[in-house]
Protein backbone atom coordinates (compact mmCIF):
# COMPACT_ATOMS: atom_id res chain seq x y z
CA MET A 1 61.10 122.86 84.67
CA HIS A 2 63.10 121.47 87.09
CA HIS A 3 66.47 123.15 88.65
CA TYR A 4 69.08 120.17 89.08
CA THR A 5 71.04 120.12 92.10
CA THR A 6 74.52 118.22 92.65
CA GLY A 7 75.06 114.45 91.23
CA ILE A 8 75.89 111.45 92.82
CA ILE A 9 77.92 108.81 91.40
CA ARG A 10 78.70 105.67 92.85
CA ILE A 11 80.45 102.80 92.39
CA LYS A 12 79.46 99.69 94.04
CA ASN A 13 81.43 96.33 94.70
CA LEU A 14 84.58 97.08 93.18
CA LEU A 15 86.07 94.20 94.02
CA LEU A 16 89.95 93.65 94.64
CA ARG A 17 93.06 91.77 96.66
CA THR A 18 95.18 93.28 98.77
CA TYR A 19 97.29 92.48 101.44
CA VAL A 20 95.53 93.90 104.76
CA GLY A 21 96.03 92.64 108.71
CA ILE A 22 98.47 92.27 111.18
CA ASN A 23 98.47 88.55 111.46
CA PRO A 24 101.18 86.36 110.14
CA GLU A 25 98.99 84.71 107.85
CA GLU A 26 97.63 87.94 106.36
CA LYS A 27 101.03 89.29 105.47
CA ILE A 28 101.32 86.55 102.99
CA LYS A 29 98.24 85.74 101.53
CA LYS A 30 96.30 88.44 99.20
CA GLN A 31 92.88 89.08 100.80
CA ASP A 32 89.30 89.92 98.73
CA VAL A 33 88.37 93.46 99.81
CA LEU A 34 85.12 95.27 98.48
CA ILE A 35 84.93 98.76 97.91
CA ASN A 36 82.03 101.01 97.36
CA LEU A 37 82.38 104.55 96.54
CA THR A 38 80.34 107.64 96.77
CA LEU A 39 80.75 110.69 95.35
CA ARG A 40 78.99 114.48 94.94
CA CYS A 41 79.59 116.31 92.36
CA ASP A 42 78.23 119.04 89.99
CA ALA A 43 79.63 116.78 86.92
CA VAL A 44 76.45 114.85 86.42
CA THR A 45 74.30 118.39 85.66
CA ARG A 46 77.52 120.03 83.56
CA ALA A 47 76.85 116.86 81.30
CA GLU A 48 73.05 117.61 80.78
CA GLU A 49 74.45 120.88 79.70
CA GLY A 50 76.70 119.53 77.51
CA HIS A 51 79.87 120.65 79.14
CA ILE A 52 81.52 116.97 79.24
CA GLU A 53 84.44 118.09 79.75
CA GLN A 54 84.13 119.51 83.10
CA THR A 55 82.47 116.21 83.68
CA LEU A 56 83.83 113.68 86.77
CA ASP A 57 85.64 110.79 84.81
CA TYR A 58 84.46 107.68 87.27
CA LYS A 59 86.60 105.75 85.58
CA ARG A 60 89.82 107.38 86.01
CA VAL A 61 89.24 107.64 89.96
CA VAL A 62 88.75 103.57 89.71
CA LYS A 63 91.82 103.31 87.27
CA ASN A 64 93.28 105.15 90.23
CA ILE A 65 92.53 103.24 92.92
CA ILE A 66 93.08 99.65 91.66
CA PRO A 67 96.72 99.66 91.14
CA PHE A 68 96.89 101.46 95.03
CA VAL A 69 95.03 99.13 96.60
CA GLU A 70 96.42 96.00 94.64
CA GLU A 71 100.03 96.57 95.25
CA ASN A 72 100.13 97.93 98.75
CA ARG A 73 100.13 96.32 101.99
CA PHE A 74 97.78 97.78 104.79
CA GLU A 75 98.16 96.55 108.16
CA LEU A 76 94.82 98.14 109.08
CA LEU A 77 91.37 98.33 107.29
CA GLU A 78 91.47 102.12 108.91
CA VAL A 79 94.51 103.02 107.10
CA MET A 80 93.19 101.69 103.88
CA VAL A 81 90.24 103.65 103.94
CA ARG A 82 91.60 106.54 104.67
CA GLN A 83 93.95 106.27 101.53
CA VAL A 84 91.28 105.24 99.15
CA LEU A 85 89.51 108.40 99.91
CA ASP A 86 92.48 110.77 100.39
CA ARG A 87 93.10 109.46 96.62
CA VAL A 88 89.69 110.38 95.71
CA MET A 89 89.72 113.51 96.93
CA THR A 90 92.73 114.41 94.71
CA PHE A 91 89.84 115.31 91.80
CA ASP A 92 88.90 118.43 92.00
CA GLU A 93 85.20 118.06 90.80
CA VAL A 94 84.47 115.47 93.88
CA GLN A 95 82.96 117.76 96.61
CA TRP A 96 82.17 115.40 98.98
CA ALA A 97 82.62 111.11 99.07
CA ARG A 98 82.04 108.49 101.05
CA VAL A 99 84.82 105.60 100.86
CA GLU A 100 83.26 102.19 102.40
CA ILE A 101 85.65 99.20 102.67
CA ASP A 102 84.33 95.51 103.22
CA LYS A 103 86.78 92.82 104.73
CA PRO A 104 84.80 89.63 103.95
CA HIS A 105 84.70 86.87 106.56
CA ALA A 106 87.27 88.89 109.01
CA ILE A 107 85.14 87.99 112.23
CA ARG A 108 83.78 84.18 112.57
CA PHE A 109 80.50 84.29 111.91
CA ALA A 110 80.10 87.79 110.37
CA GLU A 111 79.77 88.00 106.41
CA SER A 112 82.25 91.02 106.90
CA VAL A 113 83.71 93.62 108.78
CA SER A 114 83.08 97.00 107.12
CA ILE A 115 84.59 100.37 107.75
CA THR A 116 83.37 103.95 106.00
CA LEU A 117 84.79 107.13 106.12
CA GLU A 118 83.96 110.80 104.45
CA ALA A 119 85.33 113.70 103.20
CA GLU A 120 83.89 117.10 101.99
CA ARG A 121 85.85 119.63 100.45
CA ALA A 122 86.48 122.99 101.48
CA GLN A 123 83.77 125.70 100.49
CA ASN A 124 86.25 128.24 99.67
CA ALA A 125 88.65 125.73 97.72
């Protein structure tokens, strides 16, 4: 018999379009961004135990992020990463999260530039 611990949910390559950057052309033309989320939560094991109401609805997480990213303007990729991570952490089921956002073709000769940020819920929260 196995004892399952925390589960990991990964949302890979969520492709969105938004305004990101400080250059004049970046302020008038939306660009692609790729978002990868890694969420650590007990939700996976709770589903196995039949407590579906206690699981994390990852579709709700995505539906929370999509309009936020697509309807806002970000001068810095760093700001977008931080704000997306803050939104992910509003879901109480998430114990730890990593958000990585890629900005394709941000630098000549590079496929993309990405920034990653992590957050962990305080143990007594």
